[in-house]
Amino acid sequence: MTESTRAADANGEEGMTSTDPVYAERPFMGRAPSESIPARSMDPDAAYRLVRDELTLDGKPKLNCASFVTTWMDPWADALMETSRNRNLADESEYPATTEIAERCRRMVANLWNPPAGADPIATYAIGSSEAGMLGGIAMLRRWQKAHRDWKSDKPRASVPQPNLVMGRDVQVCWDKFAEYFDIEPKFIPMREGQYTITPEAVKDRVDENTIGVICTLGTTFTGEYEDVEGINRALVDVKRERGLDVPIHVDGASGGFVAPFDRPELLWDFRLEQVRSINASGHKFGLVYPGLGWVAWRDKSFLPDDLKFSLNYLGGDETTFNLNFSRPSAQVVAQYYEFLRLGHVGYSELVAAMKTAARRLQRGLLDLARERDRQPYFQALSDVDAYLPVVAIRLNPSIEPGFDVFHISHKLRQHGWIVPAYSLPRDLDGKDGNPEVDVLRMVVREGFSVDMVDKLLADYRTVLGELEDGDVPQDAHPAPVPGGVHAKFSQC
């Protein structure tokens, strides 16, 4: 407590003495402001404690198995982010060293994804992979418009038919948003039980002269699987030869873009494939940086139309930008450069291997859980952690009727501190309109998820399953209905 607080508060009221209880101060005697900015000032120490204490009600990031987002960085990265958090990355003339670090990261990211010899790749940063993906989508849209025979530079949208985008129901929600916000027809490929990604045949059947591109996901949100980018590329090369349509692929590598290069370098999914023109990834997922950073790269700068770039000089120097946002923090980009330097290929490969080791242990442990009375396994796996992301996605064994579902399990695990999302797979597998229902539990294994944590989670699963078998089934575990007019991507996540 400060001397000024002990003497008198900001409103002239008699203050407290050093012998008074800390939490008897005026700011703690009523409800925290929630509807409007309070009229009076507050002692900074009291304001800090009030906010800090409320944050303790959050879940523990280490136990959050729902999120792909980085929740831990080492002290050196934290120190660099603290040093650079007040620099605006958009202000290139004022912060030339920060700008140079960002440029190095751009080149490193673009070259990580294997552009062909002779290409001139280009990349840019974004607030996250959602913005990065939309930038890739906008570039595809503009290139399609310009290639259309009826396109006019003064009326690029009014002069052409409605464009479409081919993608699976497994895409991240940013692509649903992109189609809605930019008036693009989404040509969704349905999911089927046992087939949770898109296939080359399904893609080939749906592309036409108004298709701006195909979205391939490298690490789906639902199961962690990689789509068959190589096979889809082959199908689109056939379309180009047979029908004269040059349909590009954008790879949404939000999660896999910083996993596959270090785990399966032989896998063909990137700029080594003819139709792959752009890729996005999250620096704040397996790029191992705190939230607020995405990357998007094009195999050659010719695939990013010049008329989407904007030049400006009102910050003191000439700058060229292509982003949906403008001002943005530099701390995450500085931290990304630190991670590239600190880890290198070897370090990223070792971390991915460690995460997959933990994911395998978790998946095997869950698949070994069985009911005592008939030894029937409780769970089935939906993906292979060896081949894809370190993500464990399971469903209840369809051959048993335990009297509870994955939503009950998720709810009970929260009582042990774990955040394990339960959700229904998208339309076609959501149990509506006569379709089968596939409800899933998903656990993302991130950096720092130790063997001990795996074993603790497995132990808590055993406890929860035992309680549910004994009839302790919570009544409020299922998600509330989605409000009318709101698009639903997950039932609960």
Protein backbone atom coordinates (compact mmCIF):
# COMPACT_ATOMS: atom_id res chain seq x y z
CA MET A 1 0.00 0.00 0.00
CA THR A 2 1.41 3.41 -0.95
CA GLU A 3 1.86 6.36 1.42
CA SER A 4 -0.75 8.35 -0.50
CA THR A 5 -3.25 5.50 -0.09
CA ARG A 6 -2.68 5.35 3.64
CA ALA A 7 -3.19 9.10 3.98
CA ALA A 8 -6.19 9.61 1.71
CA ASP A 9 -7.66 8.05 -1.39
CA ALA A 10 -8.15 9.86 -4.70
CA ASN A 11 -11.60 11.07 -3.69
CA GLY A 12 -10.52 12.84 -0.52
CA GLU A 13 -11.85 10.10 1.72
CA GLU A 14 -9.95 9.11 4.80
CA GLY A 15 -7.42 6.46 3.84
CA MET A 16 -6.36 3.29 5.58
CA THR A 17 -3.43 2.76 7.88
CA SER A 18 -0.73 0.15 7.38
CA THR A 19 -2.39 -2.00 10.04
CA ASP A 20 -5.67 -2.33 8.14
CA PRO A 21 -6.35 -5.57 6.19
CA VAL A 22 -5.33 -5.25 2.53
CA TYR A 23 -8.61 -6.62 1.19
CA ALA A 24 -10.65 -4.20 3.30
CA GLU A 25 -9.67 -1.32 1.01
CA ARG A 26 -12.47 0.56 -0.73
CA PRO A 27 -11.97 -1.09 -4.19
CA PHE A 28 -12.65 -4.51 -2.66
CA MET A 29 -15.80 -3.52 -0.76
CA GLY A 30 -18.13 -3.81 -3.77
CA ARG A 31 -18.48 -5.53 -7.14
CA ALA A 32 -15.78 -4.90 -9.72
CA PRO A 33 -16.81 -2.37 -12.44
CA SER A 34 -18.30 -4.23 -15.39
CA GLU A 35 -20.67 -1.98 -17.36
CA SER A 36 -18.94 1.39 -17.65
CA ILE A 37 -15.59 2.99 -16.89
CA PRO A 38 -15.59 3.91 -13.18
CA ALA A 39 -15.81 7.61 -12.34
CA ARG A 40 -13.00 7.52 -9.78
CA SER A 41 -9.37 6.52 -10.00
CA MET A 42 -8.00 3.52 -8.18
CA ASP A 43 -4.65 2.91 -6.55
CA PRO A 44 -2.52 0.97 -9.06
CA ASP A 45 -1.65 -1.72 -6.55
CA ALA A 46 -5.33 -2.28 -5.77
CA ALA A 47 -6.26 -2.33 -9.47
CA TYR A 48 -3.48 -4.82 -10.16
CA ARG A 49 -4.57 -7.14 -7.35
CA LEU A 50 -8.22 -6.94 -8.36
CA VAL A 51 -7.47 -7.95 -11.96
CA ARG A 52 -4.82 -10.52 -11.00
CA ASP A 53 -7.14 -12.23 -8.54
CA GLU A 54 -9.94 -12.46 -11.09
CA LEU A 55 -7.57 -14.11 -13.58
CA THR A 56 -6.92 -16.91 -11.09
CA LEU A 57 -10.41 -18.15 -11.94
CA ASP A 58 -9.21 -19.13 -15.43
CA GLY A 59 -8.27 -22.69 -16.27
CA LYS A 60 -4.60 -23.63 -16.08
CA PRO A 61 -2.95 -23.23 -19.50
CA LYS A 62 -0.81 -26.34 -18.96
CA LEU A 63 -3.96 -28.45 -18.52
CA ASN A 64 -5.73 -26.96 -21.55
CA CYS A 65 -5.77 -29.86 -24.01
CA ALA A 66 -8.25 -28.02 -26.24
CA SER A 67 -5.89 -25.41 -27.62
CA PHE A 68 -3.30 -25.68 -30.35
CA VAL A 69 -1.92 -22.33 -29.17
CA THR A 70 1.44 -22.00 -27.41
CA THR A 71 1.14 -21.56 -23.65
CA TRP A 72 4.83 -21.58 -22.63
CA MET A 73 8.03 -19.91 -23.84
CA ASP A 74 11.41 -19.91 -22.19
CA PRO A 75 12.65 -16.96 -20.06
CA TRP A 76 14.88 -15.57 -22.82
CA ALA A 77 11.94 -15.40 -25.22
CA ASP A 78 9.83 -13.77 -22.52
CA ALA A 79 12.56 -11.17 -21.97
CA LEU A 80 12.79 -10.35 -25.68
CA MET A 81 9.02 -9.99 -25.93
CA GLU A 82 9.01 -7.67 -22.92
CA THR A 83 11.71 -5.56 -24.61
CA SER A 84 9.87 -5.28 -27.94
CA ARG A 85 6.19 -5.23 -26.99
CA ASN A 86 5.93 -1.41 -27.34
CA ARG A 87 7.16 -1.40 -30.95
CA ASN A 88 4.53 -1.14 -33.69
CA LEU A 89 5.55 -3.56 -36.43
CA ALA A 90 3.73 -1.40 -38.99
CA ASP A 91 6.09 1.52 -38.29
CA GLU A 92 9.01 0.35 -40.39
CA SER A 93 10.85 3.67 -40.57
CA GLU A 94 10.87 4.14 -36.79
CA TYR A 95 11.93 0.57 -36.00
CA PRO A 96 14.31 -0.52 -38.79
CA ALA A 97 15.99 -3.29 -36.75
CA THR A 98 12.62 -4.82 -35.90
CA THR A 99 11.62 -4.54 -39.56
CA GLU A 100 14.80 -6.34 -40.61
CA ILE A 101 14.05 -9.17 -38.16
CA ALA A 102 10.56 -9.46 -39.66
CA GLU A 103 12.05 -9.60 -43.16
CA ARG A 104 14.39 -12.40 -42.12
CA CYS A 105 11.46 -14.35 -40.73
CA ARG A 106 9.50 -13.85 -43.94
CA ARG A 107 12.34 -15.30 -46.00
CA MET A 108 12.89 -18.18 -43.60
CA VAL A 109 9.21 -19.12 -43.63
CA ALA A 110 8.90 -18.94 -47.43
CA ASN A 111 12.02 -21.08 -47.90
CA LEU A 112 10.93 -23.60 -45.25
CA TRP A 113 8.16 -24.72 -47.61
CA ASN A 114 10.48 -25.61 -50.52
CA PRO A 115 9.85 -23.14 -53.36
CA PRO A 116 11.19 -24.49 -56.66
CA ALA A 117 14.52 -23.40 -58.07
CA GLY A 118 14.23 -20.10 -59.92
CA ALA A 119 11.10 -19.01 -58.04
CA ASP A 120 10.94 -15.72 -56.16
CA PRO A 121 8.84 -16.57 -53.09
CA ILE A 122 7.23 -13.89 -50.98
CA ALA A 123 5.70 -14.01 -47.49
CA THR A 124 4.11 -11.74 -44.95
CA TYR A 125 3.10 -11.84 -41.31
CA ALA A 126 -0.42 -11.64 -39.90
CA ILE A 127 -2.12 -11.48 -36.51
CA GLY A 128 -2.86 -15.22 -36.78
CA SER A 129 -3.41 -17.98 -39.29
CA SER A 130 -7.01 -16.83 -39.86
CA GLU A 131 -5.86 -13.49 -41.26
CA ALA A 132 -3.01 -15.24 -43.07
CA GLY A 133 -5.42 -17.69 -44.68
CA MET A 134 -7.77 -14.92 -45.75
CA LEU A 135 -4.85 -13.10 -47.39
CA GLY A 136 -4.15 -16.24 -49.39
CA GLY A 137 -7.84 -16.45 -50.30
CA ILE A 138 -8.00 -12.80 -51.38
CA ALA A 139 -4.99 -13.31 -53.66
CA MET A 140 -6.66 -16.36 -55.26
CA LEU A 141 -9.88 -14.39 -55.72
CA ARG A 142 -8.15 -11.46 -57.42
CA ARG A 143 -6.12 -13.71 -59.74
CA TRP A 144 -9.31 -15.52 -60.76
CA GLN A 145 -11.09 -12.22 -61.39
CA LYS A 146 -8.28 -10.95 -63.59
CA ALA A 147 -8.22 -14.20 -65.56
CA HIS A 148 -11.98 -14.07 -66.19
CA ARG A 149 -12.88 -12.94 -69.71
CA ASP A 150 -15.50 -10.47 -68.42
CA TRP A 151 -13.38 -8.89 -65.69
CA LYS A 152 -13.20 -5.10 -65.66
CA SER A 153 -10.68 -3.28 -63.51
CA ASP A 154 -13.20 -0.67 -62.38
CA LYS A 155 -15.84 -3.27 -61.41
CA PRO A 156 -13.97 -6.45 -60.51
CA ARG A 157 -16.86 -8.14 -58.66
CA ALA A 158 -19.92 -6.90 -60.52
CA SER A 159 -18.58 -7.96 -63.90
CA VAL A 160 -18.04 -11.69 -63.21
CA PRO A 161 -20.17 -14.60 -61.92
CA GLN A 162 -20.05 -15.59 -58.28
CA PRO A 163 -16.76 -17.36 -57.58
CA ASN A 164 -16.59 -20.58 -55.60
CA LEU A 165 -14.11 -22.25 -53.28
CA VAL A 166 -13.78 -26.03 -52.95
CA MET A 167 -13.05 -27.30 -49.45
CA GLY A 168 -14.02 -29.92 -46.91
CA ARG A 169 -16.29 -29.66 -43.91
CA ASP A 170 -13.12 -30.15 -41.89
CA VAL A 171 -11.73 -26.68 -42.65
CA GLN A 172 -10.95 -24.23 -39.88
CA VAL A 173 -13.74 -21.70 -39.29
CA CYS A 174 -11.78 -18.87 -40.96
CA TRP A 175 -12.67 -20.39 -44.34
CA ASP A 176 -16.38 -20.36 -43.53
CA LYS A 177 -15.90 -16.71 -42.60
CA PHE A 178 -13.92 -15.97 -45.76
CA ALA A 179 -16.68 -17.38 -47.97
CA GLU A 180 -19.37 -15.46 -46.06
CA TYR A 181 -17.53 -12.14 -45.83
CA PHE A 182 -16.32 -12.08 -49.45
CA ASP A 183 -19.52 -13.46 -51.05
CA ILE A 184 -17.94 -16.67 -52.30
CA GLU A 185 -19.90 -19.87 -52.85
CA PRO A 186 -18.45 -22.58 -50.61
CA LYS A 187 -18.43 -25.96 -52.33
CA PHE A 188 -18.17 -28.17 -49.28
CA ILE A 189 -17.09 -31.77 -49.56
CA PRO A 190 -18.98 -33.80 -46.94
CA MET A 191 -17.32 -35.88 -44.28
CA ARG A 192 -18.15 -39.55 -44.00
CA GLU A 193 -17.72 -41.92 -41.09
CA GLY A 194 -14.15 -43.12 -41.27
CA GLN A 195 -13.28 -40.48 -43.92
CA TYR A 196 -12.69 -37.15 -42.20
CA THR A 197 -10.67 -35.41 -44.93
CA ILE A 198 -11.27 -34.58 -48.58
CA THR A 199 -10.24 -36.86 -51.44
CA PRO A 200 -8.78 -36.11 -54.90
CA GLU A 201 -11.86 -37.60 -56.59
CA ALA A 202 -14.25 -35.38 -54.64
CA VAL A 203 -12.20 -32.30 -55.49
CA LYS A 204 -12.02 -33.13 -59.18
CA ASP A 205 -15.81 -33.54 -59.36
CA ARG A 206 -16.45 -30.07 -57.91
CA VAL A 207 -14.04 -27.66 -59.59
CA ASP A 208 -15.26 -25.58 -62.52
CA GLU A 209 -14.44 -22.36 -64.38
CA ASN A 210 -15.57 -20.27 -61.40
CA THR A 211 -13.43 -22.05 -58.82
CA ILE A 212 -10.85 -19.66 -57.36
CA GLY A 213 -9.02 -22.47 -55.58
CA VAL A 214 -9.04 -25.56 -53.40
CA ILE A 215 -8.31 -25.48 -49.67
CA CYS A 216 -6.24 -28.41 -48.41
CA THR A 217 -5.77 -28.68 -44.66
CA LEU A 218 -2.49 -29.90 -43.22
CA GLY A 219 -3.66 -30.89 -39.77
CA THR A 220 -7.42 -30.60 -39.36
CA THR A 221 -8.93 -29.05 -36.26
CA PHE A 222 -11.20 -32.04 -35.78
CA THR A 223 -8.80 -34.99 -35.96
CA GLY A 224 -5.29 -33.65 -36.64
CA GLU A 225 -5.08 -35.48 -39.99
CA TYR A 226 -3.26 -34.23 -43.10
CA GLU A 227 -5.23 -34.11 -46.33
CA ASP A 228 -3.81 -35.80 -49.42
CA VAL A 229 -2.32 -32.68 -50.96
CA GLU A 230 -0.15 -34.68 -53.35
CA GLY A 231 -3.14 -36.64 -54.67
CA ILE A 232 -5.28 -33.50 -54.97
CA ASN A 233 -2.45 -31.77 -56.82
CA ARG A 234 -2.33 -34.71 -59.24
CA ALA A 235 -6.09 -34.45 -59.80
CA LEU A 236 -5.85 -30.72 -60.53
CA VAL A 237 -2.97 -31.23 -62.94
CA ASP A 238 -5.28 -33.64 -64.78
CA VAL A 239 -8.04 -30.99 -64.75
CA LYS A 240 -5.62 -28.48 -66.24
CA ARG A 241 -4.62 -30.90 -68.99
CA GLU A 242 -8.13 -32.16 -69.73
CA ARG A 243 -10.25 -29.02 -69.26
CA GLY A 244 -7.82 -26.13 -69.44
CA LEU A 245 -8.60 -24.96 -65.90
CA ASP A 246 -5.63 -23.86 -63.79
CA VAL A 247 -7.06 -24.27 -60.27
CA PRO A 248 -4.62 -23.35 -57.49
CA ILE A 249 -4.25 -25.03 -54.11
CA HIS A 250 -3.96 -23.06 -50.91
CA VAL A 251 -2.64 -25.20 -48.07
CA ASP A 252 -3.98 -24.27 -44.66
CA GLY A 253 -0.99 -25.39 -42.63
CA ALA A 254 -2.11 -23.52 -39.53
CA SER A 255 -0.88 -26.43 -37.43
CA GLY A 256 1.01 -28.73 -39.78
CA GLY A 257 3.07 -26.03 -41.48
CA PHE A 258 5.52 -26.05 -38.56
CA VAL A 259 5.29 -29.81 -37.93
CA ALA A 260 5.55 -31.66 -41.26
CA PRO A 261 8.83 -30.02 -42.41
CA PHE A 262 10.57 -31.26 -39.26
CA ASP A 263 8.74 -34.56 -38.81
CA ARG A 264 8.16 -35.84 -42.35
CA PRO A 265 10.41 -33.84 -44.69
CA GLU A 266 9.80 -36.36 -47.48
CA LEU A 267 6.04 -35.69 -47.48
CA LEU A 268 4.95 -33.80 -50.61
CA TRP A 269 2.45 -31.12 -49.60
CA ASP A 270 4.22 -27.79 -50.17
CA PHE A 271 5.64 -25.67 -53.02
CA ARG A 272 7.26 -28.75 -54.55
CA LEU A 273 3.78 -29.48 -55.95
CA GLU A 274 2.78 -27.68 -59.14
CA GLN A 275 -0.65 -26.39 -58.06
CA VAL A 276 0.29 -25.32 -54.52
CA ARG A 277 0.51 -21.55 -54.84
CA SER A 278 0.15 -20.33 -51.25
CA ILE A 279 0.46 -21.66 -47.69
CA ASN A 280 -0.47 -20.22 -44.31
CA ALA A 281 0.65 -21.31 -40.84
CA SER A 282 0.41 -20.19 -37.23
CA GLY A 283 3.55 -18.96 -35.58
CA HIS A 284 1.57 -19.15 -32.36
CA LYS A 285 0.79 -22.85 -32.67
CA PHE A 286 3.59 -25.27 -33.47
CA GLY A 287 5.74 -22.29 -34.47
CA LEU A 288 6.06 -22.09 -30.64
CA VAL A 289 5.28 -18.39 -30.13
CA TYR A 290 2.62 -16.85 -27.87
CA PRO A 291 -0.71 -15.92 -29.54
CA GLY A 292 -0.84 -13.18 -32.13
CA LEU A 293 1.23 -14.40 -35.11
CA GLY A 294 0.49 -16.01 -38.45
CA TRP A 295 2.42 -16.39 -41.71
CA VAL A 296 1.38 -16.70 -45.33
CA ALA A 297 3.71 -17.34 -48.26
CA TRP A 298 3.35 -17.57 -52.04
CA ARG A 299 5.60 -19.84 -54.11
CA ASP A 300 6.40 -16.85 -56.35
CA LYS A 301 5.60 -13.16 -56.07
CA SER A 302 3.65 -13.40 -59.35
CA PHE A 303 0.89 -15.18 -57.41
CA LEU A 304 0.34 -12.11 -55.21
CA PRO A 305 -1.26 -9.44 -57.46
CA ASP A 306 0.40 -6.05 -57.18
CA ASP A 307 -2.93 -4.22 -56.96
CA LEU A 308 -3.56 -5.83 -53.56
CA LYS A 309 -0.53 -4.07 -52.11
CA PHE A 310 -0.74 -0.58 -50.67
CA SER A 311 2.04 1.98 -50.36
CA LEU A 312 2.02 4.67 -47.68
CA ASN A 313 4.37 7.22 -46.20
CA TYR A 314 2.50 8.81 -43.30
CA LEU A 315 4.60 7.06 -40.66
CA GLY A 316 7.75 8.78 -41.85
CA GLY A 317 8.94 6.52 -44.66
CA ASP A 318 7.69 4.61 -47.71
CA GLU A 319 6.11 1.26 -46.83
CA THR A 320 4.22 -1.37 -48.82
CA THR A 321 1.68 -3.55 -47.05
CA PHE A 322 -0.73 -6.39 -47.75
CA ASN A 323 -2.65 -7.11 -44.57
CA LEU A 324 -6.18 -6.91 -43.22
CA ASN A 325 -4.84 -5.26 -40.07
CA PHE A 326 -2.31 -2.44 -39.88
CA SER A 327 -0.82 -1.67 -36.47
CA ARG A 328 0.27 -4.85 -34.77
CA PRO A 329 2.66 -5.98 -32.02
CA SER A 330 6.25 -6.76 -32.91
CA ALA A 331 6.96 -8.93 -29.86
CA GLN A 332 5.66 -12.13 -31.48
CA VAL A 333 7.76 -11.66 -34.62
CA VAL A 334 10.85 -10.97 -32.53
CA ALA A 335 10.08 -14.12 -30.52
CA GLN A 336 9.63 -16.12 -33.75
CA TYR A 337 13.07 -15.08 -34.92
CA TYR A 338 14.47 -16.07 -31.53
CA GLU A 339 12.84 -19.52 -31.82
CA PHE A 340 14.25 -20.01 -35.33
CA LEU A 341 17.73 -19.13 -34.07
CA ARG A 342 17.45 -20.95 -30.77
CA LEU A 343 16.03 -24.21 -32.09
CA GLY A 344 17.01 -24.53 -35.73
CA HIS A 345 15.85 -27.57 -37.71
CA VAL A 346 17.32 -29.95 -35.16
CA GLY A 347 15.55 -28.33 -32.21
CA TYR A 348 12.16 -28.19 -33.93
CA SER A 349 12.56 -31.83 -34.99
CA GLU A 350 13.41 -32.89 -31.45
CA LEU A 351 10.44 -31.03 -29.99
CA VAL A 352 8.03 -32.52 -32.52
CA ALA A 353 9.43 -35.97 -31.75
CA ALA A 354 8.94 -35.36 -28.02
CA MET A 355 5.35 -34.21 -28.50
CA LYS A 356 4.58 -37.25 -30.64
CA THR A 357 6.11 -39.56 -28.03
CA ALA A 358 3.73 -38.13 -25.43
CA ALA A 359 0.80 -38.27 -27.87
CA ARG A 360 1.46 -41.95 -28.63
CA ARG A 361 1.58 -42.76 -24.94
CA LEU A 362 -1.69 -40.92 -24.36
CA GLN A 363 -3.45 -42.54 -27.32
CA ARG A 364 -2.31 -46.05 -26.42
CA GLY A 365 -3.30 -45.53 -22.80
CA LEU A 366 -6.79 -44.35 -23.77
CA LEU A 367 -7.31 -47.23 -26.20
CA ASP A 368 -6.35 -49.66 -23.45
CA LEU A 369 -9.09 -48.40 -21.14
CA ALA A 370 -11.81 -51.03 -20.99
CA ARG A 371 -14.94 -51.79 -19.00
CA GLU A 372 -14.39 -54.23 -16.17
CA ARG A 373 -17.50 -56.32 -16.82
CA ASP A 374 -16.82 -57.27 -20.44
CA ARG A 375 -13.34 -55.86 -21.26
CA GLN A 376 -14.80 -53.90 -24.14
CA PRO A 377 -12.56 -50.89 -24.93
CA TYR A 378 -14.16 -47.55 -24.22
CA PHE A 379 -12.60 -45.64 -27.10
CA GLN A 380 -11.66 -45.72 -30.77
CA ALA A 381 -9.00 -43.48 -32.34
CA LEU A 382 -9.91 -41.26 -35.28
CA SER A 383 -6.38 -40.53 -36.49
CA ASP A 384 -2.79 -41.74 -36.38
CA VAL A 385 -0.50 -39.52 -34.30
CA ASP A 386 2.55 -41.12 -35.95
CA ALA A 387 1.52 -39.88 -39.39
CA TYR A 388 -0.10 -36.57 -38.51
CA LEU A 389 -0.20 -33.97 -35.74
CA PRO A 390 0.46 -34.83 -32.08
CA VAL A 391 -3.30 -34.71 -31.56
CA VAL A 392 -5.30 -37.50 -29.95
CA ALA A 393 -8.89 -37.62 -31.23
CA ILE A 394 -11.11 -40.38 -29.89
CA ARG A 395 -14.76 -41.39 -29.89
CA LEU A 396 -16.68 -43.75 -27.65
CA ASN A 397 -16.71 -47.30 -28.98
CA PRO A 398 -19.98 -47.54 -31.02
CA SER A 399 -20.42 -51.17 -29.97
CA ILE A 400 -21.00 -50.28 -26.31
CA GLU A 401 -23.84 -48.37 -24.68
CA PRO A 402 -22.31 -47.00 -21.49
CA GLY A 403 -25.15 -44.68 -20.49
CA PHE A 404 -23.00 -41.55 -20.91
CA ASP A 405 -21.29 -39.72 -23.76
CA VAL A 406 -18.16 -37.69 -24.51
CA PHE A 407 -19.79 -34.49 -23.24
CA HIS A 408 -20.23 -36.08 -19.83
CA ILE A 409 -16.60 -37.22 -19.85
CA SER A 410 -15.40 -33.72 -20.80
CA HIS A 411 -17.51 -32.18 -18.04
CA LYS A 412 -16.15 -34.57 -15.41
CA LEU A 413 -12.53 -34.05 -16.51
CA ARG A 414 -12.96 -30.32 -15.88
CA GLN A 415 -13.55 -31.14 -12.24
CA HIS A 416 -9.97 -32.45 -12.23
CA GLY A 417 -8.65 -29.28 -13.92
CA TRP A 418 -8.38 -30.69 -17.47
CA ILE A 419 -9.88 -28.86 -20.43
CA VAL A 420 -10.65 -31.60 -22.96
CA PRO A 421 -13.14 -30.44 -25.61
CA ALA A 422 -16.07 -32.58 -26.66
CA TYR A 423 -17.81 -31.80 -29.93
CA SER A 424 -19.82 -33.26 -32.77
CA LEU A 425 -18.19 -33.48 -36.17
CA PRO A 426 -19.66 -31.05 -38.71
CA ARG A 427 -22.80 -31.44 -40.77
CA ASP A 428 -23.05 -34.90 -42.38
CA LEU A 429 -21.81 -36.40 -39.10
CA ASP A 430 -23.75 -34.34 -36.57
CA GLY A 431 -26.67 -36.70 -36.05
CA LYS A 432 -29.17 -34.49 -37.89
CA ASP A 433 -31.29 -35.11 -41.01
CA GLY A 434 -30.86 -38.86 -40.65
CA ASN A 435 -27.07 -38.70 -40.75
CA PRO A 436 -24.93 -40.64 -38.27
CA GLU A 437 -23.47 -38.79 -35.31
CA VAL A 438 -19.78 -38.81 -34.45
CA ASP A 439 -18.96 -37.13 -31.14
CA VAL A 440 -15.30 -36.62 -30.36
CA LEU A 441 -12.88 -35.89 -27.53
CA ARG A 442 -9.70 -34.18 -28.71
CA MET A 443 -6.42 -33.60 -26.89
CA VAL A 444 -3.61 -31.49 -28.36
CA VAL A 445 -0.17 -32.44 -27.07
CA ARG A 446 1.96 -29.31 -27.00
CA GLU A 447 5.50 -28.52 -25.93
CA GLY A 448 5.95 -29.30 -22.24
CA PHE A 449 3.24 -31.96 -22.03
CA SER A 450 5.33 -34.45 -20.08
CA VAL A 451 5.04 -38.20 -19.59
CA ASP A 452 3.97 -37.53 -16.00
CA MET A 453 1.16 -35.29 -17.23
CA VAL A 454 0.06 -38.00 -19.68
CA ASP A 455 -0.07 -40.55 -16.86
CA LYS A 456 -2.00 -38.13 -14.62
CA LEU A 457 -4.54 -37.48 -17.38
CA LEU A 458 -4.95 -41.23 -17.95
CA ALA A 459 -5.45 -41.75 -14.21
CA ASP A 460 -8.13 -39.05 -14.17
CA TYR A 461 -9.83 -40.69 -17.16
CA ARG A 462 -9.99 -43.94 -15.17
CA THR A 463 -11.50 -42.12 -12.21
CA VAL A 464 -14.06 -40.28 -14.35
CA LEU A 465 -15.10 -43.41 -16.24
CA GLY A 466 -15.53 -45.27 -12.96
CA GLU A 467 -17.73 -42.51 -11.56
CA LEU A 468 -19.84 -42.42 -14.72
CA GLU A 469 -20.25 -46.21 -14.71
CA ASP A 470 -21.47 -45.91 -11.10
CA GLY A 471 -24.23 -43.55 -12.23
CA ASP A 472 -22.66 -40.19 -11.37
CA VAL A 473 -23.66 -38.61 -14.71
CA PRO A 474 -23.82 -34.77 -14.72
CA GLN A 475 -27.06 -33.24 -15.92
CA ASP A 476 -25.68 -30.01 -17.40
CA ALA A 477 -22.87 -31.34 -19.58
CA HIS A 478 -24.29 -30.75 -23.04
CA PRO A 479 -23.75 -27.46 -24.91
CA ALA A 480 -26.50 -24.89 -25.09
CA PRO A 481 -28.32 -24.52 -28.43
CA VAL A 482 -26.64 -22.17 -30.89
CA PRO A 483 -28.49 -18.82 -31.12
CA GLY A 484 -30.60 -18.35 -34.24
CA GLY A 485 -28.70 -16.90 -37.19
CA VAL A 486 -25.27 -17.82 -35.78
CA HIS A 487 -23.12 -20.24 -37.75
CA ALA A 488 -22.08 -23.25 -35.66
CA LYS A 489 -18.71 -24.87 -36.25
CA PHE A 490 -18.39 -26.81 -33.00
CA SER A 491 -21.06 -27.90 -30.61
CA GLN A 492 -18.58 -27.38 -27.81
CA CYS A 493 -14.89 -26.64 -27.97
